[in-house]
Protein backbone atom coordinates (compact mmCIF):
# COMPACT_ATOMS: atom_id res chain seq x y z
CA UNK A 1 -214.96 44.59 -28.16
CA UNK A 2 -215.90 47.68 -29.37
CA UNK A 3 -214.06 49.55 -32.74
CA UNK A 4 -215.16 52.83 -33.91
CA UNK A 5 -216.43 52.28 -37.36
CA UNK A 6 -214.35 54.31 -40.20
CA UNK A 7 -216.67 57.09 -41.83
CA UNK A 8 -217.66 58.85 -45.28
CA UNK A 9 -217.12 61.93 -46.84
CA UNK A 10 -220.38 63.75 -47.88
CA UNK A 11 -220.02 64.97 -52.08
CA UNK A 12 -222.38 66.78 -53.38
CA UNK A 13 -222.35 64.47 -57.22
CA UNK A 14 -221.54 60.96 -58.16
CA UNK A 15 -218.77 60.04 -60.35
CA UNK A 16 -217.47 57.50 -62.77
CA UNK A 17 -214.45 56.30 -61.51
CA UNK A 18 -213.42 52.54 -61.89
CA UNK A 19 -211.30 52.92 -59.03
CA UNK A 20 -214.26 52.44 -56.88
CA UNK A 21 -216.20 50.25 -55.67
CA UNK A 22 -220.56 51.93 -55.38
CA UNK A 23 -223.12 50.49 -53.20
CA UNK A 24 -226.35 51.52 -52.63
CA UNK A 25 -226.65 53.08 -49.29
CA UNK A 26 -229.12 51.85 -46.63
CA UNK A 27 -231.87 54.12 -44.19
CA UNK A 28 -230.97 52.50 -41.03
CA UNK A 29 -228.44 52.79 -38.59
CA UNK A 30 -224.73 51.98 -38.64
CA UNK A 31 -224.09 48.67 -36.29
CA UNK A 32 -220.47 47.03 -35.39
CA UNK A 33 -221.10 43.71 -34.26
CA UNK A 34 -218.75 42.13 -32.33
CA UNK A 35 -217.32 37.92 -31.30
CA UNK A 36 -214.47 37.07 -29.07
CA UNK A 37 -214.91 34.59 -26.92
CA UNK A 38 -218.03 33.09 -28.42
CA UNK A 39 -219.67 35.89 -27.00
CA UNK A 40 -221.24 38.24 -29.43
CA UNK A 41 -221.60 41.74 -28.35
CA UNK A 42 -223.85 44.55 -30.77
CA UNK A 43 -222.64 48.06 -30.34
CA UNK A 44 -224.45 51.89 -32.51
CA UNK A 45 -221.14 53.85 -34.11
CA UNK A 46 -221.27 55.87 -31.11
CA UNK A 47 -220.24 53.07 -28.95
CA UNK A 48 -223.87 52.05 -27.51
CA UNK A 49 -224.09 48.28 -26.47
CA UNK A 50 -227.35 47.36 -28.41
CA UNK A 51 -226.90 44.07 -27.66
CA UNK A 52 -229.89 42.79 -26.19
CA UNK A 53 -232.16 44.46 -28.25
CA UNK A 54 -231.61 42.29 -31.42
CA UNK A 55 -231.47 38.95 -29.96
CA UNK A 56 -232.17 37.68 -32.89
CA UNK A 57 -228.43 38.29 -34.62
CA UNK A 58 -226.93 36.53 -31.01
CA UNK A 59 -226.42 33.09 -32.94
CA UNK A 60 -225.52 33.76 -36.22
CA UNK A 61 -223.40 31.08 -37.93
CA UNK A 62 -220.55 33.30 -37.52
CA UNK A 63 -216.92 32.30 -36.54
CA UNK A 64 -215.56 33.30 -33.26
CA UNK A 65 -212.76 36.26 -33.77
CA UNK A 66 -214.89 38.81 -36.32
CA UNK A 67 -216.20 42.33 -35.91
CA UNK A 68 -218.52 43.70 -38.81
CA UNK A 69 -219.53 46.54 -40.00
CA UNK A 70 -222.61 47.47 -41.45
CA UNK A 71 -226.55 48.30 -41.19
CA UNK A 72 -229.46 47.28 -39.35
CA UNK A 73 -232.35 48.50 -41.89
CA UNK A 74 -235.98 47.12 -41.98
CA UNK A 75 -238.05 47.46 -45.37
CA UNK A 76 -241.65 47.92 -46.50
CA UNK A 77 -243.58 46.40 -48.57
CA UNK A 78 -241.70 47.61 -51.58
CA UNK A 79 -238.92 46.02 -50.24
CA UNK A 80 -237.32 49.17 -49.58
CA UNK A 81 -235.60 50.41 -46.42
CA UNK A 82 -238.10 52.39 -44.19
CA UNK A 83 -235.88 54.46 -41.30
CA UNK A 84 -239.09 55.74 -39.10
CA UNK A 85 -239.61 51.31 -39.21
CA UNK A 86 -236.87 50.39 -38.43
CA UNK A 87 -236.18 52.79 -35.12
CA UNK A 88 -239.39 51.98 -34.33
CA UNK A 89 -238.25 48.00 -34.36
CA UNK A 90 -235.39 49.76 -32.10
CA UNK A 91 -237.51 50.60 -29.25
CA UNK A 92 -239.61 47.62 -28.92
CA UNK A 93 -239.60 43.89 -30.44
CA UNK A 94 -243.28 44.11 -29.55
CA UNK A 95 -243.54 45.77 -32.52
CA UNK A 96 -243.15 42.78 -34.43
CA UNK A 97 -240.98 43.79 -37.41
CA UNK A 98 -237.88 41.96 -39.15
CA UNK A 99 -235.03 43.65 -39.75
CA UNK A 100 -231.75 42.45 -41.78
CA UNK A 101 -228.29 42.99 -40.56
CA UNK A 102 -226.59 44.16 -44.37
CA UNK A 103 -222.84 43.39 -43.59
CA UNK A 104 -220.58 46.00 -46.29
CA UNK A 105 -217.02 45.21 -44.47
CA UNK A 106 -214.91 43.16 -42.32
CA UNK A 107 -212.51 44.39 -39.75
CA UNK A 108 -211.26 41.08 -37.94
CA UNK A 109 -210.78 37.66 -39.30
CA UNK A 110 -210.24 34.96 -36.80
CA UNK A 111 -209.31 36.96 -34.36
CA UNK A 112 -206.58 39.10 -36.54
CA UNK A 113 -207.36 43.31 -37.25
CA UNK A 114 -207.65 42.92 -41.17
CA UNK A 115 -207.92 46.75 -41.86
CA UNK A 116 -204.65 46.88 -43.80
CA UNK A 117 -206.51 45.22 -45.89
CA UNK A 118 -207.14 45.94 -49.50
CA UNK A 119 -211.30 46.69 -49.61
CA UNK A 120 -211.83 44.38 -52.47
CA UNK A 121 -210.00 41.80 -50.52
CA UNK A 122 -211.62 42.22 -47.66
CA UNK A 123 -214.89 41.72 -49.69
CA UNK A 124 -213.30 37.99 -50.36
CA UNK A 125 -213.21 37.65 -46.40
CA UNK A 126 -217.25 38.64 -46.21
CA UNK A 127 -217.80 35.59 -48.52
CA UNK A 128 -216.02 33.67 -46.55
CA UNK A 129 -218.05 34.85 -43.03
CA UNK A 130 -221.53 35.01 -45.43
CA UNK A 131 -221.39 32.52 -48.09
CA UNK A 132 -225.04 32.46 -48.52
CA UNK A 133 -227.08 36.13 -48.26
CA UNK A 134 -230.88 35.76 -45.92
CA UNK A 135 -233.28 38.01 -44.66
CA UNK A 136 -231.39 38.23 -41.43
CA UNK A 137 -228.15 38.61 -42.23
CA UNK A 138 -226.90 39.07 -46.27
CA UNK A 139 -223.63 41.20 -47.65
CA UNK A 140 -224.75 45.20 -49.34
CA UNK A 141 -223.93 43.82 -52.81
CA UNK A 142 -221.74 46.10 -55.36
CA UNK A 143 -220.20 46.93 -58.45
CA UNK A 144 -217.84 48.38 -60.30
CA UNK A 145 -217.95 52.64 -60.83
CA UNK A 146 -221.03 52.80 -62.24
CA UNK A 147 -221.85 55.87 -59.63
CA UNK A 148 -223.48 58.20 -62.16
CA UNK A 149 -226.08 55.70 -63.71
CA UNK A 150 -226.60 53.91 -60.19
CA UNK A 151 -227.31 57.27 -58.93
CA UNK A 152 -229.77 57.91 -61.15
CA UNK A 153 -231.77 54.15 -61.17
CA UNK A 154 -231.95 55.39 -56.82
CA UNK A 155 -232.96 58.65 -57.76
CA UNK A 156 -236.17 57.02 -59.67
CA UNK A 157 -237.10 54.57 -57.18
CA UNK A 158 -236.35 57.11 -53.91
CA UNK A 159 -233.57 55.12 -52.66
CA UNK A 160 -231.67 57.76 -49.89
CA UNK A 161 -228.60 57.38 -52.20
CA UNK A 162 -224.93 55.66 -52.53
CA UNK A 163 -221.82 55.13 -51.46
CA UNK A 164 -218.43 55.60 -53.21
CA UNK A 165 -215.15 53.72 -51.96
CA UNK A 166 -211.94 53.16 -53.33
CA UNK A 167 -211.27 49.55 -54.11
CA UNK A 168 -208.19 49.46 -52.87
CA UNK A 169 -209.16 51.37 -49.25
CA UNK A 170 -207.58 49.74 -45.95
CA UNK A 171 -210.24 50.00 -42.75
CA UNK A 172 -209.68 53.67 -41.56
CA UNK A 173 -210.56 52.85 -37.71
CA UNK A 174 -212.90 56.08 -35.92
CA UNK A 175 -211.67 58.06 -39.42
CA UNK A 176 -213.39 60.55 -41.84
CA UNK A 177 -212.37 59.10 -44.57
CA UNK A 178 -212.20 60.58 -48.06
CA UNK A 179 -211.37 57.93 -49.27
CA UNK A 180 -215.05 56.67 -48.53
CA UNK A 181 -217.52 59.08 -49.80
CA UNK A 182 -222.16 59.14 -50.04
CA UNK A 183 -224.11 61.02 -52.11
CA UNK A 184 -227.91 61.86 -50.47
CA UNK A 185 -230.20 61.47 -53.11
CA UNK A 186 -232.22 65.05 -51.81
CA UNK A 187 -235.22 66.36 -51.69
CA UNK A 188 -236.46 69.39 -52.30
CA UNK A 189 -239.03 71.81 -51.64
CA UNK A 190 -240.04 75.54 -51.14
CA UNK A 191 -241.97 75.89 -47.90
CA UNK A 192 -242.74 79.55 -45.25
CA UNK A 193 -241.29 80.58 -42.04
CA UNK A 194 -244.26 79.96 -39.77
CA UNK A 195 -242.22 81.06 -36.23
CA UNK A 196 -238.81 80.90 -34.78
CA UNK A 197 -238.14 78.76 -31.47
CA UNK A 198 -236.60 80.93 -28.32
CA UNK A 199 -234.51 78.94 -26.32
CA UNK A 200 -232.56 77.42 -28.87
CA UNK A 201 -232.39 78.38 -32.98
CA UNK A 202 -235.13 76.55 -34.83
CA UNK A 203 -237.33 77.40 -37.41
CA UNK A 204 -241.07 76.76 -38.06
CA UNK A 205 -242.05 75.57 -42.04
CA UNK A 206 -244.99 75.31 -43.09
CA UNK A 207 -245.52 73.80 -47.01
CA UNK A 208 -247.46 75.56 -49.60
CA UNK A 209 -250.93 74.51 -48.50
CA UNK A 210 -250.18 76.07 -44.77
CA UNK A 211 -249.85 72.12 -43.39
CA UNK A 212 -246.91 71.93 -40.75
CA UNK A 213 -244.02 70.65 -42.52
CA UNK A 214 -241.60 70.36 -39.62
CA UNK A 215 -238.21 72.53 -37.98
CA UNK A 216 -235.16 73.09 -38.97
CA UNK A 217 -232.12 73.79 -37.30
CA UNK A 218 -229.42 74.97 -39.00
CA UNK A 219 -229.27 78.08 -40.78
CA UNK A 220 -225.69 79.30 -41.72
CA UNK A 221 -224.70 82.52 -39.75
CA UNK A 222 -225.25 85.51 -43.11
CA UNK A 223 -228.57 83.97 -43.79
CA UNK A 224 -229.38 83.31 -40.01
CA UNK A 225 -228.80 87.05 -40.28
CA UNK A 226 -230.58 87.88 -43.21
CA UNK A 227 -234.06 86.22 -40.95
CA UNK A 228 -233.54 88.72 -38.05
CA UNK A 229 -233.00 91.52 -40.26
CA UNK A 230 -237.03 91.00 -41.49
CA UNK A 231 -238.53 88.37 -39.16
CA UNK A 232 -240.16 90.75 -36.19
CA UNK A 233 -242.47 92.27 -39.42
CA UNK A 234 -243.89 88.73 -39.40
CA UNK A 235 -244.95 88.64 -36.25
CA UNK A 236 -248.53 87.60 -35.02
CA UNK A 237 -248.63 86.20 -31.46
CA UNK A 238 -245.80 84.27 -29.39
CA UNK A 239 -245.48 82.28 -26.22
CA UNK A 240 -242.72 80.99 -23.91
CA UNK A 241 -241.73 78.40 -26.05
CA UNK A 242 -242.43 80.02 -29.92
CA UNK A 243 -242.67 83.65 -31.92
CA UNK A 244 -245.15 82.71 -34.58
CA UNK A 245 -245.41 84.44 -37.96
CA UNK A 246 -247.59 85.10 -40.44
CA UNK A 247 -245.71 83.02 -43.24
CA UNK A 248 -244.69 85.24 -45.03
CA UNK A 249 -240.70 84.78 -45.85
CA UNK A 250 -239.84 81.84 -48.28
CA UNK A 251 -236.91 79.17 -48.15
CA UNK A 252 -235.94 76.51 -49.87
CA UNK A 253 -234.66 73.71 -48.25
CA UNK A 254 -233.22 70.44 -49.05
CA UNK A 255 -234.03 67.08 -47.17
CA UNK A 256 -234.34 63.17 -47.36
CA UNK A 257 -237.90 62.23 -47.62
CA UNK A 258 -241.17 62.24 -46.03
CA UNK A 259 -242.39 61.27 -42.60
CA UNK A 260 -245.35 58.91 -42.21
CA UNK A 261 -246.75 62.44 -40.77
CA UNK A 262 -246.18 64.40 -44.11
CA UNK A 263 -242.71 66.32 -41.90
CA UNK A 264 -240.17 66.79 -43.84
CA UNK A 265 -236.75 64.62 -42.87
CA UNK A 266 -233.96 66.43 -41.58
CA UNK A 267 -234.52 69.55 -43.67
CA UNK A 268 -231.31 71.81 -44.20
CA UNK A 269 -231.10 75.45 -45.68
CA UNK A 270 -230.13 76.15 -49.09
CA UNK A 271 -231.63 79.27 -49.99
CA UNK A 272 -233.63 82.38 -48.96
CA UNK A 273 -235.81 82.62 -52.23
CA UNK A 274 -237.56 85.67 -53.14
């Protein structure tokens, strides 16, 4: 039985408010775990069943009639969630990487929908469902308020971000609600445009040292127009896929982190740099 999860609204800065709880934003992928008629099914947030990919999650000591909401993660040797590693594990069990299912909410309990309960009450239910945390199955830890200080800590440790949730919020199925907010710990970099993709808009990026930095696929319309005004002056060659440019146009981007290949992960446009 699939339930479309409640989604978060993105905000730029954390805020301190004791009416909210603060959690670490885990860098994995959202997972809905269900058990009805003693049969476990596991889904992504987009309703793709992935039960067979994670056999270790089938026989968890969770009672029948339960739906859990959480994140599947793989941690690195420092204990930090590693997105590339969890995707490697998602693609193949042969990778040997150990997963954790970190649960932050419960949607059904004893076969009954409990979405109308307050978040704090649902957290108490989770304690009954998962009385002891383990590497494989654990509860996401949270604190009351103190989001600004917590965000500064995760910045120091180069983690993905934080989540702030109204303590009395109901679980709103299939809705992006302002009751739940996320603050991403973005990194910033000035890079150069070295090419233009032809079939679908995308700009090739280079670091200042000349190394390839990745591809940015969305730029706001006014800033894209600014690019089109200038780029023809910098064309050096092209093929059927790309127009290559002398890297003179500089752009500030924000991104999640560097990948293991040294590329910008999910770069987003901030501004043109003169």
